[in-house]
Protein backbone atom coordinates (compact mmCIF):
# COMPACT_ATOMS: atom_id res chain seq x y z
CA UNK A 1 0.00 0.00 0.00
CA UNK A 2 1.19 3.51 -0.73
CA UNK A 3 0.06 6.95 0.38
CA UNK A 4 -0.12 10.05 -1.83
CA UNK A 5 1.11 13.47 -0.82
CA UNK A 6 1.17 16.88 -2.49
CA UNK A 7 4.53 18.67 -2.53
CA UNK A 8 5.37 22.13 -3.82
CA UNK A 9 8.49 24.24 -3.61
CA UNK A 10 7.34 26.53 -0.81
CA UNK A 11 10.19 27.10 1.60
CA UNK A 12 9.76 25.36 4.95
CA UNK A 13 12.25 24.94 7.78
CA UNK A 14 14.52 21.92 7.29
CA UNK A 15 14.14 19.18 9.87
CA UNK A 16 17.63 17.67 10.02
CA UNK A 17 16.27 14.79 12.09
CA UNK A 18 13.48 13.87 9.68
CA UNK A 19 12.93 10.19 9.00
CA UNK A 20 10.50 8.07 7.01
CA UNK A 21 7.82 9.82 5.01
CA UNK A 22 8.72 13.24 6.41
CA UNK A 23 12.30 12.81 5.14
CA UNK A 24 11.15 11.69 1.68
CA UNK A 25 8.72 14.62 1.28
CA UNK A 26 11.34 17.06 2.55
CA UNK A 27 13.81 15.69 -0.04
CA UNK A 28 11.26 16.08 -2.85
CA UNK A 29 10.55 19.66 -1.72
CA UNK A 30 14.32 20.36 -1.75
CA UNK A 31 14.61 18.99 -5.30
CA UNK A 32 11.79 21.28 -6.46
CA UNK A 33 13.22 24.34 -4.69
CA UNK A 34 16.80 23.92 -5.94
CA UNK A 35 17.64 25.08 -9.46
CA UNK A 36 20.21 22.98 -11.30
CA UNK A 37 23.83 24.13 -11.14
CA UNK A 38 23.29 25.96 -7.84
CA UNK A 39 24.57 23.20 -5.53
CA UNK A 40 28.37 23.66 -5.29
CA UNK A 41 29.32 20.03 -4.58
CA UNK A 42 26.83 18.50 -7.03
CA UNK A 43 26.07 20.82 -9.95
CA UNK A 44 23.66 18.29 -11.48
CA UNK A 45 21.48 18.09 -8.34
CA UNK A 46 17.82 19.16 -8.71
CA UNK A 47 16.18 20.09 -11.98
CA UNK A 48 16.57 22.73 -14.65
CA UNK A 49 13.54 25.03 -14.65
CA UNK A 50 14.97 27.21 -17.41
CA UNK A 51 12.56 26.74 -20.30
CA UNK A 52 11.81 29.51 -22.74
CA UNK A 53 8.89 28.18 -24.73
CA UNK A 54 5.12 28.44 -25.13
CA UNK A 55 3.28 27.47 -21.94
CA UNK A 56 2.17 24.00 -23.08
CA UNK A 57 5.68 23.11 -24.29
CA UNK A 58 7.27 24.55 -21.13
CA UNK A 59 4.93 22.49 -18.91
CA UNK A 60 5.73 19.28 -20.80
CA UNK A 61 9.50 19.89 -20.61
CA UNK A 62 9.38 20.85 -16.94
CA UNK A 63 7.24 17.82 -16.09
CA UNK A 64 9.80 15.50 -17.70
CA UNK A 65 12.69 17.21 -15.89
CA UNK A 66 10.93 17.07 -12.53
CA UNK A 67 10.06 13.38 -12.89
CA UNK A 68 13.64 12.57 -13.90
CA UNK A 69 15.12 14.53 -10.98
CA UNK A 70 12.85 12.89 -8.40
CA UNK A 71 13.58 9.42 -9.81
CA UNK A 72 17.29 10.12 -9.62
CA UNK A 73 17.59 11.87 -6.26
CA UNK A 74 14.66 10.44 -4.25
CA UNK A 75 13.76 7.03 -5.68
CA UNK A 76 11.58 6.21 -2.64
CA UNK A 77 8.99 8.67 -4.02
CA UNK A 78 6.97 7.79 -7.12
CA UNK A 79 5.58 10.73 -9.06
CA UNK A 80 1.81 10.35 -9.48
CA UNK A 81 1.24 13.69 -11.24
CA UNK A 82 2.75 17.10 -11.89
CA UNK A 83 0.64 20.23 -12.23
CA UNK A 84 1.53 23.89 -12.26
CA UNK A 85 0.36 27.16 -10.85
CA UNK A 86 1.24 30.08 -13.07
CA UNK A 87 2.66 33.43 -12.07
CA UNK A 88 1.68 35.32 -15.21
CA UNK A 89 3.16 38.63 -14.09
CA UNK A 90 6.63 37.11 -13.79
CA UNK A 91 6.16 34.47 -16.48
CA UNK A 92 6.89 31.63 -14.07
CA UNK A 93 5.44 28.17 -13.64
CA UNK A 94 5.43 26.78 -10.11
CA UNK A 95 5.32 22.99 -9.94
CA UNK A 96 2.98 21.06 -7.63
CA UNK A 97 3.82 17.36 -7.48
CA UNK A 98 1.74 14.44 -6.20
CA UNK A 99 4.01 11.65 -5.00
CA UNK A 100 3.33 8.16 -3.70
CA UNK A 101 5.38 6.80 -0.84
CA UNK A 102 5.17 3.03 -0.39
CA UNK A 103 4.89 1.73 3.13
CA UNK A 104 7.96 -0.43 2.56
CA UNK A 105 10.00 2.54 1.27
CA UNK A 106 10.47 4.11 4.69
C-alpha atoms as a PDB file:
ATOM      1  CA  UNK A   1       0.000   0.000   0.000  1.00  0.00           C
ATOM      2  CA  UNK A   2       1.190   3.514  -0.725  1.00  0.00           C
ATOM      3  CA  UNK A   3       0.065   6.945   0.375  1.00  0.00           C
ATOM      4  CA  UNK A   4      -0.124  10.046  -1.833  1.00  0.00           C
ATOM      5  CA  UNK A   5       1.115  13.472  -0.816  1.00  0.00           C
ATOM      6  CA  UNK A   6       1.173  16.878  -2.494  1.00  0.00           C
ATOM      7  CA  UNK A   7       4.525  18.670  -2.534  1.00  0.00           C
ATOM      8  CA  UNK A   8       5.372  22.131  -3.822  1.00  0.00           C
ATOM      9  CA  UNK A   9       8.487  24.240  -3.606  1.00  0.00           C
ATOM     10  CA  UNK A  10       7.344  26.528  -0.811  1.00  0.00           C
ATOM     11  CA  UNK A  11      10.190  27.095   1.596  1.00  0.00           C
ATOM     12  CA  UNK A  12       9.761  25.365   4.947  1.00  0.00           C
ATOM     13  CA  UNK A  13      12.249  24.939   7.777  1.00  0.00           C
ATOM     14  CA  UNK A  14      14.522  21.922   7.285  1.00  0.00           C
ATOM     15  CA  UNK A  15      14.144  19.175   9.871  1.00  0.00           C
ATOM     16  CA  UNK A  16      17.631  17.668  10.022  1.00  0.00           C
ATOM     17  CA  UNK A  17      16.266  14.786  12.092  1.00  0.00           C
ATOM     18  CA  UNK A  18      13.477  13.869   9.676  1.00  0.00           C
ATOM     19  CA  UNK A  19      12.934  10.189   8.996  1.00  0.00           C
ATOM     20  CA  UNK A  20      10.503   8.072   7.008  1.00  0.00           C
ATOM     21  CA  UNK A  21       7.818   9.816   5.007  1.00  0.00           C
ATOM     22  CA  UNK A  22       8.719  13.239   6.413  1.00  0.00           C
ATOM     23  CA  UNK A  23      12.296  12.814   5.137  1.00  0.00           C
ATOM     24  CA  UNK A  24      11.149  11.690   1.683  1.00  0.00           C
ATOM     25  CA  UNK A  25       8.724  14.615   1.280  1.00  0.00           C
ATOM     26  CA  UNK A  26      11.337  17.063   2.545  1.00  0.00           C
ATOM     27  CA  UNK A  27      13.807  15.685  -0.038  1.00  0.00           C
ATOM     28  CA  UNK A  28      11.262  16.083  -2.849  1.00  0.00           C
ATOM     29  CA  UNK A  29      10.555  19.661  -1.723  1.00  0.00           C
ATOM     30  CA  UNK A  30      14.323  20.362  -1.752  1.00  0.00           C
ATOM     31  CA  UNK A  31      14.612  18.991  -5.296  1.00  0.00           C
ATOM     32  CA  UNK A  32      11.787  21.282  -6.462  1.00  0.00           C
ATOM     33  CA  UNK A  33      13.223  24.339  -4.686  1.00  0.00           C
ATOM     34  CA  UNK A  34      16.801  23.925  -5.943  1.00  0.00           C
ATOM     35  CA  UNK A  35      17.635  25.079  -9.456  1.00  0.00           C
ATOM     36  CA  UNK A  36      20.211  22.978 -11.301  1.00  0.00           C
ATOM     37  CA  UNK A  37      23.832  24.126 -11.142  1.00  0.00           C
ATOM     38  CA  UNK A  38      23.286  25.964  -7.839  1.00  0.00           C
ATOM     39  CA  UNK A  39      24.570  23.203  -5.531  1.00  0.00           C
ATOM     40  CA  UNK A  40      28.373  23.656  -5.291  1.00  0.00           C
ATOM     41  CA  UNK A  41      29.316  20.026  -4.576  1.00  0.00           C
ATOM     42  CA  UNK A  42      26.828  18.498  -7.032  1.00  0.00           C
ATOM     43  CA  UNK A  43      26.066  20.822  -9.951  1.00  0.00           C
ATOM     44  CA  UNK A  44      23.661  18.286 -11.475  1.00  0.00           C
ATOM     45  CA  UNK A  45      21.476  18.091  -8.344  1.00  0.00           C
ATOM     46  CA  UNK A  46      17.822  19.160  -8.708  1.00  0.00           C
ATOM     47  CA  UNK A  47      16.181  20.091 -11.985  1.00  0.00           C
ATOM     48  CA  UNK A  48      16.571  22.730 -14.655  1.00  0.00           C
ATOM     49  CA  UNK A  49      13.539  25.033 -14.646  1.00  0.00           C
ATOM     50  CA  UNK A  50      14.965  27.214 -17.408  1.00  0.00           C
ATOM     51  CA  UNK A  51      12.560  26.736 -20.295  1.00  0.00           C
ATOM     52  CA  UNK A  52      11.812  29.513 -22.743  1.00  0.00           C
ATOM     53  CA  UNK A  53       8.889  28.176 -24.731  1.00  0.00           C
ATOM     54  CA  UNK A  54       5.123  28.444 -25.133  1.00  0.00           C
ATOM     55  CA  UNK A  55       3.283  27.468 -21.936  1.00  0.00           C
ATOM     56  CA  UNK A  56       2.169  24.000 -23.076  1.00  0.00           C
ATOM     57  CA  UNK A  57       5.680  23.113 -24.286  1.00  0.00           C
ATOM     58  CA  UNK A  58       7.268  24.549 -21.129  1.00  0.00           C
ATOM     59  CA  UNK A  59       4.934  22.489 -18.913  1.00  0.00           C
ATOM     60  CA  UNK A  60       5.732  19.284 -20.798  1.00  0.00           C
ATOM     61  CA  UNK A  61       9.496  19.886 -20.606  1.00  0.00           C
ATOM     62  CA  UNK A  62       9.383  20.847 -16.936  1.00  0.00           C
ATOM     63  CA  UNK A  63       7.239  17.815 -16.088  1.00  0.00           C
ATOM     64  CA  UNK A  64       9.799  15.505 -17.696  1.00  0.00           C
ATOM     65  CA  UNK A  65      12.695  17.210 -15.894  1.00  0.00           C
ATOM     66  CA  UNK A  66      10.931  17.067 -12.526  1.00  0.00           C
ATOM     67  CA  UNK A  67      10.057  13.381 -12.893  1.00  0.00           C
ATOM     68  CA  UNK A  68      13.645  12.572 -13.905  1.00  0.00           C
ATOM     69  CA  UNK A  69      15.122  14.529 -10.984  1.00  0.00           C
ATOM     70  CA  UNK A  70      12.846  12.892  -8.403  1.00  0.00           C
ATOM     71  CA  UNK A  71      13.576   9.416  -9.809  1.00  0.00           C
ATOM     72  CA  UNK A  72      17.290  10.116  -9.624  1.00  0.00           C
ATOM     73  CA  UNK A  73      17.590  11.869  -6.264  1.00  0.00           C
ATOM     74  CA  UNK A  74      14.664  10.439  -4.254  1.00  0.00           C
ATOM     75  CA  UNK A  75      13.756   7.031  -5.678  1.00  0.00           C
ATOM     76  CA  UNK A  76      11.577   6.211  -2.637  1.00  0.00           C
ATOM     77  CA  UNK A  77       8.988   8.668  -4.019  1.00  0.00           C
ATOM     78  CA  UNK A  78       6.970   7.792  -7.122  1.00  0.00           C
ATOM     79  CA  UNK A  79       5.577  10.732  -9.058  1.00  0.00           C
ATOM     80  CA  UNK A  80       1.807  10.354  -9.478  1.00  0.00           C
ATOM     81  CA  UNK A  81       1.245  13.690 -11.235  1.00  0.00           C
ATOM     82  CA  UNK A  82       2.747  17.096 -11.891  1.00  0.00           C
ATOM     83  CA  UNK A  83       0.640  20.225 -12.232  1.00  0.00           C
ATOM     84  CA  UNK A  84       1.534  23.886 -12.261  1.00  0.00           C
ATOM     85  CA  UNK A  85       0.357  27.162 -10.845  1.00  0.00           C
ATOM     86  CA  UNK A  86       1.238  30.083 -13.072  1.00  0.00           C
ATOM     87  CA  UNK A  87       2.664  33.428 -12.071  1.00  0.00           C
ATOM     88  CA  UNK A  88       1.684  35.323 -15.208  1.00  0.00           C
ATOM     89  CA  UNK A  89       3.160  38.633 -14.089  1.00  0.00           C
ATOM     90  CA  UNK A  90       6.629  37.106 -13.789  1.00  0.00           C
ATOM     91  CA  UNK A  91       6.163  34.475 -16.484  1.00  0.00           C
ATOM     92  CA  UNK A  92       6.893  31.629 -14.067  1.00  0.00           C
ATOM     93  CA  UNK A  93       5.444  28.166 -13.640  1.00  0.00           C
ATOM     94  CA  UNK A  94       5.432  26.780 -10.108  1.00  0.00           C
ATOM     95  CA  UNK A  95       5.316  22.988  -9.936  1.00  0.00           C
ATOM     96  CA  UNK A  96       2.978  21.062  -7.630  1.00  0.00           C
ATOM     97  CA  UNK A  97       3.816  17.355  -7.482  1.00  0.00           C
ATOM     98  CA  UNK A  98       1.737  14.445  -6.203  1.00  0.00           C
ATOM     99  CA  UNK A  99       4.009  11.653  -4.995  1.00  0.00           C
ATOM    100  CA  UNK A 100       3.330   8.163  -3.695  1.00  0.00           C
ATOM    101  CA  UNK A 101       5.377   6.797  -0.835  1.00  0.00           C
ATOM    102  CA  UNK A 102       5.171   3.030  -0.393  1.00  0.00           C
ATOM    103  CA  UNK A 103       4.887   1.727   3.134  1.00  0.00           C
ATOM    104  CA  UNK A 104       7.960  -0.426   2.559  1.00  0.00           C
ATOM    105  CA  UNK A 105      10.000   2.535   1.272  1.00  0.00           C
ATOM    106  CA  UNK A 106      10.474   4.114   4.689  1.00  0.00           C
END
